Amino acid sequence: MSRSALWFPAIGALIGAIVAAVLWAGALASPWIGALLALVAWVWVTGGLHLDGLADVADALGAAHHSPERFIEVLRDPHIGAYGTMAIVLQLIAKLVLLAAIASPPALAAVVLIAAWARWGALVWGTFLPPLASGSGERFAWHIDKRGMAMEGAILALLSLWLAPVLLLSVLVIAGVAAYWKYRLGGITGDCLGAGIELTETLSLLLIAVQMA
């Protein structure tokens, strides 16, 4: 499983390429149409998996009160609560607005890199943060080849330096997410990985939007 996990950034790049292509095609009519279609494509291609993780984590954090045990207990509840609903709505709105703001050819390569960076971040979190609970989502990356992961990070950094230098700050976003999970919970779950991917994507989109403003 550790070898297949190293494909995550490449899979992210493929997802980003699909989103970028839809964004470009839709933006020929209107930036907002492009953004809406790209957002739908983003959710469809990923199956909403990471959004589900974001919702679960939002609900659990809202009820955990700094207790990892309570966090896990709420996380296992299959029902979505108020915090989860708000998190999904705000995340979708944020991505829609940011995609509309960057819906131009110069930013398309950045969308590809953003999706790749976010999934590289999942490798980092899964490698360096301990699991809070046992389960398939928590096992995938504990024994990842750190050399391979570092090489992937270097490749992404070089591509970012060439195509969208501001995305080098995505490393700081990834580190910040890791620090938050460590401080707030002491570790992560599979849902935390999904939530982290969503947050990294949105904050990286914000970096591009600010640069283009």
Protein backbone atom coordinates (compact mmCIF):
# COMPACT_ATOMS: atom_id res chain seq x y z
CA MET A 1 0.00 0.00 0.00
CA SER A 2 2.90 2.37 0.71
CA ARG A 3 4.09 2.15 -2.91
CA SER A 4 0.63 2.90 -4.28
CA ALA A 5 0.34 5.86 -1.91
CA LEU A 6 3.32 7.46 -3.66
CA TRP A 7 1.07 7.77 -6.72
CA PHE A 8 -1.21 10.18 -4.84
CA PRO A 9 0.44 13.36 -6.19
CA ALA A 10 0.25 12.00 -9.75
CA ILE A 11 -3.41 11.17 -9.23
CA GLY A 12 -3.87 14.68 -7.87
CA ALA A 13 -2.24 16.12 -10.98
CA LEU A 14 -4.65 14.12 -13.15
CA ILE A 15 -7.61 15.40 -11.13
CA GLY A 16 -6.25 18.92 -11.43
CA ALA A 17 -5.82 18.54 -15.19
CA ILE A 18 -9.46 17.52 -15.57
CA VAL A 19 -10.62 20.44 -13.43
CA ALA A 20 -8.37 22.86 -15.32
CA ALA A 21 -9.66 21.65 -18.69
CA VAL A 22 -13.28 22.09 -17.62
CA LEU A 23 -12.48 25.50 -16.13
CA TRP A 24 -10.86 26.62 -19.39
CA ALA A 25 -13.73 25.35 -21.55
CA GLY A 26 -16.44 26.87 -19.36
CA ALA A 27 -14.59 30.17 -19.01
CA LEU A 28 -14.89 30.66 -22.77
CA ALA A 29 -18.51 31.54 -22.01
CA SER A 30 -18.05 33.13 -18.58
CA PRO A 31 -15.60 32.86 -15.65
CA TRP A 32 -18.49 31.95 -13.36
CA ILE A 33 -19.77 29.26 -15.70
CA GLY A 34 -16.25 27.88 -15.93
CA ALA A 35 -15.90 27.96 -12.15
CA LEU A 36 -19.23 26.23 -11.57
CA LEU A 37 -18.51 23.49 -14.10
CA ALA A 38 -14.99 23.04 -12.74
CA LEU A 39 -16.31 22.74 -9.20
CA VAL A 40 -18.86 20.13 -10.27
CA ALA A 41 -16.10 18.23 -12.07
CA TRP A 42 -13.86 18.45 -8.99
CA VAL A 43 -16.52 16.98 -6.73
CA TRP A 44 -17.53 14.36 -9.29
CA VAL A 45 -13.99 13.13 -10.01
CA THR A 46 -13.18 12.78 -6.31
CA GLY A 47 -16.58 11.37 -5.44
CA GLY A 48 -16.91 14.00 -2.73
CA LEU A 49 -14.65 11.82 -0.59
CA HIS A 50 -12.57 14.64 0.83
CA LEU A 51 -15.62 16.84 1.37
CA ASP A 52 -17.09 14.03 3.44
CA GLY A 53 -13.91 13.96 5.51
CA LEU A 54 -14.09 17.73 5.96
CA ALA A 55 -17.70 17.50 7.16
CA ASP A 56 -16.94 14.68 9.58
CA VAL A 57 -13.94 16.51 11.01
CA ALA A 58 -15.90 19.76 11.37
CA ASP A 59 -18.64 17.97 13.31
CA ALA A 60 -16.12 16.15 15.48
CA LEU A 61 -14.07 19.27 16.23
CA GLY A 62 -17.22 21.14 17.12
CA ALA A 63 -18.13 18.57 19.74
CA ALA A 64 -14.71 17.31 20.85
CA HIS A 65 -13.73 20.12 23.25
CA HIS A 66 -10.01 19.21 22.90
CA SER A 67 -10.70 15.55 23.72
CA PRO A 68 -9.28 13.10 21.12
CA GLU A 69 -11.51 10.35 22.54
CA ARG A 70 -14.63 12.46 22.05
CA PHE A 71 -13.36 13.45 18.60
CA ILE A 72 -13.16 9.79 17.53
CA GLU A 73 -16.57 9.07 19.04
CA VAL A 74 -18.27 11.86 17.09
CA LEU A 75 -16.27 11.03 13.97
CA ARG A 76 -17.83 7.56 13.88
CA ASP A 77 -21.35 8.98 13.79
CA PRO A 78 -22.55 8.49 10.18
CA HIS A 79 -24.91 11.47 10.35
CA ILE A 80 -23.83 14.94 9.28
CA GLY A 81 -24.41 17.74 11.77
CA ALA A 82 -24.61 21.52 11.66
CA TYR A 83 -20.85 22.06 11.71
CA GLY A 84 -20.34 19.57 8.89
CA THR A 85 -23.04 21.14 6.77
CA MET A 86 -21.60 24.61 7.25
CA ALA A 87 -18.10 23.37 6.43
CA ILE A 88 -19.22 21.83 3.12
CA VAL A 89 -21.24 24.90 2.12
CA LEU A 90 -18.42 27.31 2.95
CA GLN A 91 -15.84 25.12 1.22
CA LEU A 92 -17.87 24.89 -1.98
CA ILE A 93 -18.54 28.63 -1.99
CA ALA A 94 -14.87 29.38 -1.40
CA LYS A 95 -13.74 27.12 -4.23
CA LEU A 96 -16.39 28.52 -6.58
CA VAL A 97 -15.36 32.13 -5.93
CA LEU A 98 -11.64 31.38 -6.16
CA LEU A 99 -11.99 29.35 -9.35
CA ALA A 100 -13.93 32.22 -10.92
CA ALA A 101 -11.18 34.61 -9.84
CA ILE A 102 -8.44 32.59 -11.56
CA ALA A 103 -10.41 31.40 -14.61
CA SER A 104 -7.80 32.38 -17.19
CA PRO A 105 -5.18 30.37 -19.13
CA PRO A 106 -2.16 31.53 -17.04
CA ALA A 107 -3.65 29.92 -13.93
CA LEU A 108 -4.60 26.56 -15.42
CA ALA A 109 -1.23 24.94 -14.70
CA ALA A 110 -1.55 26.14 -11.11
CA VAL A 111 -4.80 24.19 -10.70
CA VAL A 112 -2.97 21.01 -11.73
CA LEU A 113 -0.20 21.69 -9.23
CA ILE A 114 -2.61 22.59 -6.44
CA ALA A 115 -4.34 19.22 -6.58
CA ALA A 116 -0.95 17.48 -6.65
CA TRP A 117 0.41 19.48 -3.71
CA ALA A 118 -2.67 18.70 -1.61
CA ARG A 119 -2.21 14.96 -2.08
CA TRP A 120 1.50 15.20 -1.42
CA GLY A 121 0.47 16.86 1.81
CA ALA A 122 -1.60 13.80 2.67
CA LEU A 123 1.57 11.71 2.34
CA VAL A 124 3.40 14.05 4.71
CA TRP A 125 0.64 14.01 7.31
CA GLY A 126 0.23 10.25 7.09
CA THR A 127 3.96 9.70 7.43
CA PHE A 128 4.82 12.04 10.27
CA LEU A 129 1.63 12.12 12.35
CA PRO A 130 0.44 9.12 14.39
CA PRO A 131 -2.99 7.57 13.79
CA LEU A 132 -5.72 8.31 16.32
CA ALA A 133 -7.62 5.13 15.47
CA SER A 134 -7.11 1.93 13.54
CA GLY A 135 -8.67 1.63 10.10
CA SER A 136 -7.81 1.53 6.41
CA GLY A 137 -7.77 5.31 6.17
CA GLU A 138 -5.18 5.52 8.92
CA ARG A 139 -2.87 2.73 7.75
CA PHE A 140 -2.06 3.75 4.22
CA ALA A 141 1.00 5.91 4.74
CA TRP A 142 2.74 4.98 7.96
CA HIS A 143 5.59 3.19 6.15
CA ILE A 144 5.93 5.29 3.02
CA ASP A 145 9.36 5.55 1.40
CA LYS A 146 10.45 8.96 2.66
CA ARG A 147 13.05 9.27 -0.08
CA GLY A 148 10.41 8.81 -2.76
CA MET A 149 8.14 11.28 -1.01
CA ALA A 150 10.96 13.83 -0.82
CA MET A 151 11.70 13.39 -4.52
CA GLU A 152 8.05 14.02 -5.36
CA GLY A 153 8.11 17.14 -3.22
CA ALA A 154 11.22 18.35 -5.01
CA ILE A 155 9.61 17.76 -8.42
CA LEU A 156 6.51 19.69 -7.36
CA ALA A 157 8.69 22.50 -6.04
CA LEU A 158 10.61 22.75 -9.32
CA LEU A 159 7.40 22.75 -11.36
CA SER A 160 5.90 25.37 -9.07
CA LEU A 161 9.03 27.52 -9.35
CA TRP A 162 8.66 27.36 -13.12
CA LEU A 163 4.88 27.67 -13.52
CA ALA A 164 3.49 29.28 -10.35
CA PRO A 165 6.17 30.30 -7.81
CA VAL A 166 3.61 31.40 -5.22
CA LEU A 167 2.60 27.75 -4.82
CA LEU A 168 5.90 27.10 -3.08
CA LEU A 169 4.02 28.51 -0.10
CA SER A 170 1.82 25.41 -0.24
CA VAL A 171 4.59 23.72 1.73
CA LEU A 172 3.87 26.15 4.56
CA VAL A 173 0.15 25.41 4.27
CA ILE A 174 0.85 21.68 4.52
CA ALA A 175 3.13 22.25 7.51
CA GLY A 176 0.49 24.43 9.15
CA VAL A 177 -2.18 21.77 8.73
CA ALA A 178 0.19 19.19 10.23
CA ALA A 179 0.94 21.46 13.18
CA TYR A 180 -2.78 22.01 13.79
CA TRP A 181 -3.58 18.28 13.82
CA LYS A 182 -0.64 17.65 16.14
CA TYR A 183 -1.59 20.44 18.53
CA ARG A 184 -5.36 19.94 18.45
CA LEU A 185 -5.59 16.15 18.37
CA GLY A 186 -2.13 14.66 18.74
CA GLY A 187 -2.54 12.71 15.48
CA ILE A 188 -4.85 12.15 12.53
CA THR A 189 -7.51 9.91 11.06
CA GLY A 190 -8.44 9.20 7.44
CA ASP A 191 -11.05 11.95 7.66
CA CYS A 192 -8.34 14.37 8.76
CA LEU A 193 -6.42 13.55 5.60
CA GLY A 194 -9.48 14.35 3.48
CA ALA A 195 -10.14 17.56 5.37
CA GLY A 196 -6.49 18.54 5.03
CA ILE A 197 -6.60 18.01 1.28
CA GLU A 198 -9.65 20.25 0.98
CA LEU A 199 -8.10 22.98 3.11
CA THR A 200 -4.80 22.84 1.24
CA GLU A 201 -6.56 23.10 -2.11
CA THR A 202 -8.62 26.11 -1.04
CA LEU A 203 -5.76 27.98 0.59
CA SER A 204 -3.54 27.31 -2.44
CA LEU A 205 -6.28 28.61 -4.74
CA LEU A 206 -6.36 31.70 -2.54
CA LEU A 207 -2.61 32.17 -3.03
CA ILE A 208 -3.06 32.15 -6.81
CA ALA A 209 -6.08 34.48 -6.63
CA VAL A 210 -4.20 37.00 -4.49
CA GLN A 211 -1.23 36.88 -6.85
CA MET A 212 -3.48 37.53 -9.85
CA ALA A 213 -5.48 40.32 -8.20
